[in-house]
PDB file of N, CA and C in Angstrom:
ATOM      1  N   MET A   1      59.271  93.873 106.654  1.00  0.00           N
ATOM      2  CA  MET A   1      58.839  95.245 106.688  1.00  0.00           C
ATOM      3  C   MET A   1      59.578  96.016 105.598  1.00  0.00           C
ATOM      4  N   LYS A   2      58.850  96.862 104.917  1.00  0.00           N
ATOM      5  CA  LYS A   2      59.431  97.610 103.808  1.00  0.00           C
ATOM      6  C   LYS A   2      60.107  98.883 104.311  1.00  0.00           C
ATOM      7  N   ALA A   3      61.062  99.359 103.538  1.00  0.00           N
ATOM      8  CA  ALA A   3      61.828 100.539 103.916  1.00  0.00           C
ATOM      9  C   ALA A   3      60.938 101.780 103.960  1.00  0.00           C
ATOM     10  N   ASP A   4      59.960 101.873 103.070  1.00  0.00           N
ATOM     11  CA  ASP A   4      59.061 103.032 103.073  1.00  0.00           C
ATOM     12  C   ASP A   4      58.281 103.117 104.381  1.00  0.00           C
ATOM     13  N   GLU A   5      57.858 101.969 104.892  1.00  0.00           N
ATOM     14  CA  GLU A   5      57.130 101.939 106.161  1.00  0.00           C
ATOM     15  C   GLU A   5      58.026 102.389 107.303  1.00  0.00           C
ATOM     16  N   LEU A   6      59.289 101.967 107.271  1.00  0.00           N
ATOM     17  CA  LEU A   6      60.220 102.333 108.329  1.00  0.00           C
ATOM     18  C   LEU A   6      60.552 103.816 108.305  1.00  0.00           C
ATOM     19  N   ARG A   7      60.653 104.389 107.127  1.00  0.00           N
ATOM     20  CA  ARG A   7      61.003 105.812 107.021  1.00  0.00           C
ATOM     21  C   ARG A   7      59.902 106.720 107.567  1.00  0.00           C
ATOM     22  N   LYS A   8      58.683 106.224 107.629  1.00  0.00           N
ATOM     23  CA  LYS A   8      57.566 107.003 108.169  1.00  0.00           C
ATOM     24  C   LYS A   8      57.539 106.976 109.694  1.00  0.00           C
ATOM     25  N   MET A   9      58.314 106.080 110.298  1.00  0.00           N
ATOM     26  CA  MET A   9      58.326 105.929 111.754  1.00  0.00           C
ATOM     27  C   MET A   9      59.369 106.843 112.388  1.00  0.00           C
ATOM     28  N   SER A  10      59.192 107.058 113.687  1.00  0.00           N
ATOM     29  CA  SER A  10      60.193 107.814 114.433  1.00  0.00           C
ATOM     30  C   SER A  10      61.322 106.869 114.846  1.00  0.00           C
ATOM     31  N   ILE A  11      62.408 107.449 115.322  1.00  0.00           N
ATOM     32  CA  ILE A  11      63.556 106.641 115.726  1.00  0.00           C
ATOM     33  C   ILE A  11      63.183 105.725 116.884  1.00  0.00           C
ATOM     34  N   GLY A  12      62.383 106.206 117.806  1.00  0.00           N
ATOM     35  CA  GLY A  12      61.956 105.383 118.937  1.00  0.00           C
ATOM     36  C   GLY A  12      61.142 104.178 118.514  1.00  0.00           C
ATOM     37  N   GLU A  13      60.276 104.371 117.548  1.00  0.00           N
ATOM     38  CA  GLU A  13      59.470 103.256 117.046  1.00  0.00           C
ATOM     39  C   GLU A  13      60.342 102.229 116.331  1.00  0.00           C
ATOM     40  N   ILE A  14      61.307 102.708 115.578  1.00  0.00           N
ATOM     41  CA  ILE A  14      62.211 101.797 114.872  1.00  0.00           C
ATOM     42  C   ILE A  14      63.044 101.003 115.873  1.00  0.00           C
ATOM     43  N   GLU A  15      63.499 101.671 116.932  1.00  0.00           N
ATOM     44  CA  GLU A  15      64.275 100.976 117.957  1.00  0.00           C
ATOM     45  C   GLU A  15      63.458  99.876 118.616  1.00  0.00           C
ATOM     46  N   ALA A  16      62.171 100.129 118.852  1.00  0.00           N
ATOM     47  CA  ALA A  16      61.310  99.114 119.450  1.00  0.00           C
ATOM     48  C   ALA A  16      61.128  97.926 118.505  1.00  0.00           C
ATOM     49  N   LYS A  17      60.911  98.211 117.230  1.00  0.00           N
ATOM     50  CA  LYS A  17      60.777  97.147 116.229  1.00  0.00           C
ATOM     51  C   LYS A  17      62.084  96.363 116.112  1.00  0.00           C
ATOM     52  N   LEU A  18      63.207  97.059 116.200  1.00  0.00           N
ATOM     53  CA  LEU A  18      64.514  96.420 116.102  1.00  0.00           C
ATOM     54  C   LEU A  18      64.723  95.456 117.271  1.00  0.00           C
ATOM     55  N   ALA A  19      64.368  95.887 118.463  1.00  0.00           N
ATOM     56  CA  ALA A  19      64.507  95.014 119.636  1.00  0.00           C
ATOM     57  C   ALA A  19      63.636  93.764 119.488  1.00  0.00           C
ATOM     58  N   ASP A  20      62.423  93.937 118.983  1.00  0.00           N
ATOM     59  CA  ASP A  20      61.538  92.792 118.762  1.00  0.00           C
ATOM     60  C   ASP A  20      62.119  91.836 117.733  1.00  0.00           C
ATOM     61  N   ALA A  21      62.669  92.382 116.660  1.00  0.00           N
ATOM     62  CA  ALA A  21      63.239  91.547 115.603  1.00  0.00           C
ATOM     63  C   ALA A  21      64.462  90.789 116.112  1.00  0.00           C
ATOM     64  N   GLN A  22      65.274  91.422 116.932  1.00  0.00           N
ATOM     65  CA  GLN A  22      66.447  90.746 117.470  1.00  0.00           C
ATOM     66  C   GLN A  22      66.043  89.608 118.402  1.00  0.00           C
ATOM     67  N   GLU A  23      64.994  89.835 119.176  1.00  0.00           N
ATOM     68  CA  GLU A  23      64.488  88.786 120.057  1.00  0.00           C
ATOM     69  C   GLU A  23      63.921  87.620 119.232  1.00  0.00           C
ATOM     70  N   GLU A  24      63.221  87.953 118.161  1.00  0.00           N
ATOM     71  CA  GLU A  24      62.662  86.935 117.283  1.00  0.00           C
ATOM     72  C   GLU A  24      63.777  86.109 116.629  1.00  0.00           C
ATOM     73  N   LEU A  25      64.854  86.771 116.214  1.00  0.00           N
ATOM     74  CA  LEU A  25      65.988  86.083 115.624  1.00  0.00           C
ATOM     75  C   LEU A  25      66.612  85.119 116.623  1.00  0.00           C
ATOM     76  N   MET A  26      66.739  85.547 117.861  1.00  0.00           N
ATOM     77  CA  MET A  26      67.304  84.690 118.891  1.00  0.00           C
ATOM     78  C   MET A  26      66.424  83.448 119.081  1.00  0.00           C
ATOM     79  N   LYS A  27      65.107  83.619 119.094  1.00  0.00           N
ATOM     80  CA  LYS A  27      64.196  82.484 119.239  1.00  0.00           C
ATOM     81  C   LYS A  27      64.328  81.522 118.065  1.00  0.00           C
ATOM     82  N   PHE A  28      64.428  82.070 116.853  1.00  0.00           N
ATOM     83  CA  PHE A  28      64.578  81.218 115.675  1.00  0.00           C
ATOM     84  C   PHE A  28      65.883  80.433 115.728  1.00  0.00           C
ATOM     85  N   ARG A  29      66.948  81.061 116.198  1.00  0.00           N
ATOM     86  CA  ARG A  29      68.230  80.366 116.286  1.00  0.00           C
ATOM     87  C   ARG A  29      68.162  79.215 117.292  1.00  0.00           C
ATOM     88  N   PHE A  30      67.501  79.452 118.440  1.00  0.00           N
ATOM     89  CA  PHE A  30      67.341  78.380 119.410  1.00  0.00           C
ATOM     90  C   PHE A  30      66.506  77.243 118.838  1.00  0.00           C
ATOM     91  N   GLN A  31      65.464  77.594 118.111  1.00  0.00           N
ATOM     92  CA  GLN A  31      64.623  76.568 117.499  1.00  0.00           C
ATOM     93  C   GLN A  31      65.401  75.772 116.456  1.00  0.00           C
ATOM     94  N   GLN A  32      66.276  76.451 115.725  1.00  0.00           N
ATOM     95  CA  GLN A  32      67.070  75.758 114.713  1.00  0.00           C
ATOM     96  C   GLN A  32      68.024  74.763 115.371  1.00  0.00           C
ATOM     97  N   VAL A  33      68.650  75.171 116.452  1.00  0.00           N
ATOM     98  CA  VAL A  33      69.605  74.304 117.135  1.00  0.00           C
ATOM     99  C   VAL A  33      68.901  73.077 117.719  1.00  0.00           C
ATOM    100  N   THR A  34      67.706  73.270 118.245  1.00  0.00           N
ATOM    101  CA  THR A  34      66.984  72.151 118.855  1.00  0.00           C
ATOM    102  C   THR A  34      66.222  71.324 117.834  1.00  0.00           C
ATOM    103  N   GLY A  35      66.220  71.756 116.575  1.00  0.00           N
ATOM    104  CA  GLY A  35      65.560  71.001 115.527  1.00  0.00           C
ATOM    105  C   GLY A  35      64.075  71.271 115.399  1.00  0.00           C
ATOM    106  N   GLN A  36      63.577  72.310 116.027  1.00  0.00           N
ATOM    107  CA  GLN A  36      62.155  72.627 115.991  1.00  0.00           C
ATOM    108  C   GLN A  36      61.780  73.544 114.832  1.00  0.00           C
ATOM    109  N   LEU A  37      62.746  74.219 114.259  1.00  0.00           N
ATOM    110  CA  LEU A  37      62.475  75.167 113.181  1.00  0.00           C
ATOM    111  C   LEU A  37      62.406  74.426 111.855  1.00  0.00           C
ATOM    112  N   THR A  38      61.241  74.494 111.219  1.00  0.00           N
ATOM    113  CA  THR A  38      61.076  73.779 109.953  1.00  0.00           C
ATOM    114  C   THR A  38      61.419  74.663 108.762  1.00  0.00           C
ATOM    115  N   ASP A  39      61.146  75.955 108.838  1.00  0.00           N
ATOM    116  CA  ASP A  39      61.411  76.878 107.730  1.00  0.00           C
ATOM    117  C   ASP A  39      62.615  77.747 108.089  1.00  0.00           C
ATOM    118  N   THR A  40      63.800  77.326 107.662  1.00  0.00           N
ATOM    119  CA  THR A  40      65.020  78.037 108.039  1.00  0.00           C
ATOM    120  C   THR A  40      65.187  79.362 107.302  1.00  0.00           C
ATOM    121  N   SER A  41      64.382  79.611 106.282  1.00  0.00           N
ATOM    122  CA  SER A  41      64.490  80.880 105.563  1.00  0.00           C
ATOM    123  C   SER A  41      64.007  82.049 106.414  1.00  0.00           C
ATOM    124  N   LEU A  42      63.272  81.770 107.481  1.00  0.00           N
ATOM    125  CA  LEU A  42      62.807  82.846 108.360  1.00  0.00           C
ATOM    126  C   LEU A  42      63.969  83.594 108.987  1.00  0.00           C
ATOM    127  N   ILE A  43      65.035  82.874 109.275  1.00  0.00           N
ATOM    128  CA  ILE A  43      66.212  83.509 109.872  1.00  0.00           C
ATOM    129  C   ILE A  43      66.773  84.558 108.924  1.00  0.00           C
ATOM    130  N   ARG A  44      66.853  84.223 107.657  1.00  0.00           N
ATOM    131  CA  ARG A  44      67.387  85.160 106.667  1.00  0.00           C
ATOM    132  C   ARG A  44      66.513  86.402 106.554  1.00  0.00           C
ATOM    133  N   PHE A  45      65.195  86.221 106.552  1.00  0.00           N
ATOM    134  CA  PHE A  45      64.290  87.367 106.437  1.00  0.00           C
ATOM    135  C   PHE A  45      64.401  88.300 107.648  1.00  0.00           C
ATOM    136  N   VAL A  46      64.515  87.727 108.828  1.00  0.00           N
ATOM    137  CA  VAL A  46      64.630  88.545 110.038  1.00  0.00           C
ATOM    138  C   VAL A  46      65.963  89.286 110.044  1.00  0.00           C
ATOM    139  N   ARG A  47      67.035  88.604 109.609  1.00  0.00           N
ATOM    140  CA  ARG A  47      68.338  89.274 109.556  1.00  0.00           C
ATOM    141  C   ARG A  47      68.312  90.450 108.592  1.00  0.00           C
ATOM    142  N   ARG A  48      67.638  90.284 107.465  1.00  0.00           N
ATOM    143  CA  ARG A  48      67.544  91.379 106.497  1.00  0.00           C
ATOM    144  C   ARG A  48      66.714  92.528 107.046  1.00  0.00           C
ATOM    145  N   ASP A  49      65.644  92.222 107.774  1.00  0.00           N
ATOM    146  CA  ASP A  49      64.839  93.274 108.395  1.00  0.00           C
ATOM    147  C   ASP A  49      65.671  94.056 109.405  1.00  0.00           C
ATOM    148  N   ILE A  50      66.470  93.344 110.185  1.00  0.00           N
ATOM    149  CA  ILE A  50      67.327  94.003 111.178  1.00  0.00           C
ATOM    150  C   ILE A  50      68.324  94.927 110.476  1.00  0.00           C
ATOM    151  N   ALA A  51      68.930  94.448 109.410  1.00  0.00           N
ATOM    152  CA  ALA A  51      69.891  95.271 108.665  1.00  0.00           C
ATOM    153  C   ALA A  51      69.202  96.493 108.067  1.00  0.00           C
ATOM    154  N   ARG A  52      67.990  96.305 107.563  1.00  0.00           N
ATOM    155  CA  ARG A  52      67.232  97.416 106.977  1.00  0.00           C
ATOM    156  C   ARG A  52      66.928  98.472 108.049  1.00  0.00           C
ATOM    157  N   MET A  53      66.528  98.018 109.233  1.00  0.00           N
ATOM    158  CA  MET A  53      66.219  98.960 110.325  1.00  0.00           C
ATOM    159  C   MET A  53      67.466  99.712 110.753  1.00  0.00           C
ATOM    160  N   ASN A  54      68.588  99.001 110.873  1.00  0.00           N
ATOM    161  CA  ASN A  54      69.841  99.668 111.250  1.00  0.00           C
ATOM    162  C   ASN A  54      70.251 100.705 110.213  1.00  0.00           C
ATOM    163  N   THR A  55      70.104 100.394 108.938  1.00  0.00           N
ATOM    164  CA  THR A  55      70.467 101.320 107.871  1.00  0.00           C
ATOM    165  C   THR A  55      69.616 102.578 107.939  1.00  0.00           C
ATOM    166  N   ILE A  56      68.332 102.421 108.104  1.00  0.00           N
ATOM    167  CA  ILE A  56      67.449 103.579 108.137  1.00  0.00           C
ATOM    168  C   ILE A  56      67.682 104.403 109.393  1.00  0.00           C
ATOM    169  N   MET A  57      67.963 103.737 110.519  1.00  0.00           N
ATOM    170  CA  MET A  57      68.278 104.495 111.737  1.00  0.00           C
ATOM    171  C   MET A  57      69.553 105.305 111.541  1.00  0.00           C
ATOM    172  N   ASN A  58      70.553 104.725 110.883  1.00  0.00           N
ATOM    173  CA  ASN A  58      71.793 105.460 110.613  1.00  0.00           C
ATOM    174  C   ASN A  58      71.529 106.645 109.683  1.00  0.00           C
ATOM    175  N   GLU A  59      70.672 106.464 108.688  1.00  0.00           N
ATOM    176  CA  GLU A  59      70.319 107.562 107.800  1.00  0.00           C
ATOM    177  C   GLU A  59      69.638 108.693 108.567  1.00  0.00           C
ATOM    178  N   LEU A  60      68.707 108.331 109.439  1.00  0.00           N
ATOM    179  CA  LEU A  60      67.979 109.338 110.207  1.00  0.00           C
ATOM    180  C   LEU A  60      68.885 110.085 111.170  1.00  0.00           C
ATOM    181  N   THR A  61      69.781 109.379 111.837  1.00  0.00           N
ATOM    182  CA  THR A  61      70.668 110.063 112.779  1.00  0.00           C
ATOM    183  C   THR A  61      71.663 110.949 112.034  1.00  0.00           C
ATOM    184  N   ALA A  62      72.128 110.520 110.866  1.00  0.00           N
ATOM    185  CA  ALA A  62      73.046 111.349 110.082  1.00  0.00           C
ATOM    186  C   ALA A  62      72.313 112.596 109.590  1.00  0.00           C
ATOM    187  N   GLU A  63      71.066 112.440 109.219  1.00  0.00           N
ATOM    188  CA  GLU A  63      70.261 113.558 108.768  1.00  0.00           C
ATOM    189  C   GLU A  63      70.043 114.563 109.900  1.00  0.00           C
ATOM    190  N   MET A  64      69.815 114.044 111.116  1.00  0.00           N
ATOM    191  CA  MET A  64      69.599 114.921 112.270  1.00  0.00           C
ATOM    192  C   MET A  64      70.874 115.659 112.634  1.00  0.00           C
ATOM    193  N   GLU A  65      72.017 114.985 112.519  1.00  0.00           N
ATOM    194  CA  GLU A  65      73.296 115.631 112.832  1.00  0.00           C
ATOM    195  C   GLU A  65      73.622 116.706 111.815  1.00  0.00           C
ATOM    196  N   GLY A  66      73.222 116.491 110.567  1.00  0.00           N
ATOM    197  CA  GLY A  66      73.467 117.475 109.537  1.00  0.00           C
ATOM    198  C   GLY A  66      72.652 118.728 109.735  1.00  0.00           C
ATOM    199  N   GLU A  67      71.462 118.594 110.313  1.00  0.00           N
ATOM    200  CA  GLU A  67      70.598 119.750 110.546  1.00  0.00           C
ATOM    201  C   GLU A  67      71.087 120.580 111.711  1.00  0.00           C
ATOM    202  N   ALA A  68      71.714 119.949 112.697  1.00  0.00           N
ATOM    203  CA  ALA A  68      72.122 120.656 113.906  1.00  0.00           C
ATOM    204  C   ALA A  68      73.356 121.479 113.717  1.00  0.00           C
TER     205      ALA A  68
END
């Protein structure tokens, strides 16, 4: 997911996407341990998406605190 798409979302929507991504990462890790995961680069992409979502959420909350 691109950062521009995330910036158009509300904090609640980003939190929902973040929870889904974390669950997906957990599934990929289990698959890797059991030897079922063939494309290990998926883990890296999901981790980067999670980091991107966390960064944008931090930006949004800092922006909201600055306005108040």
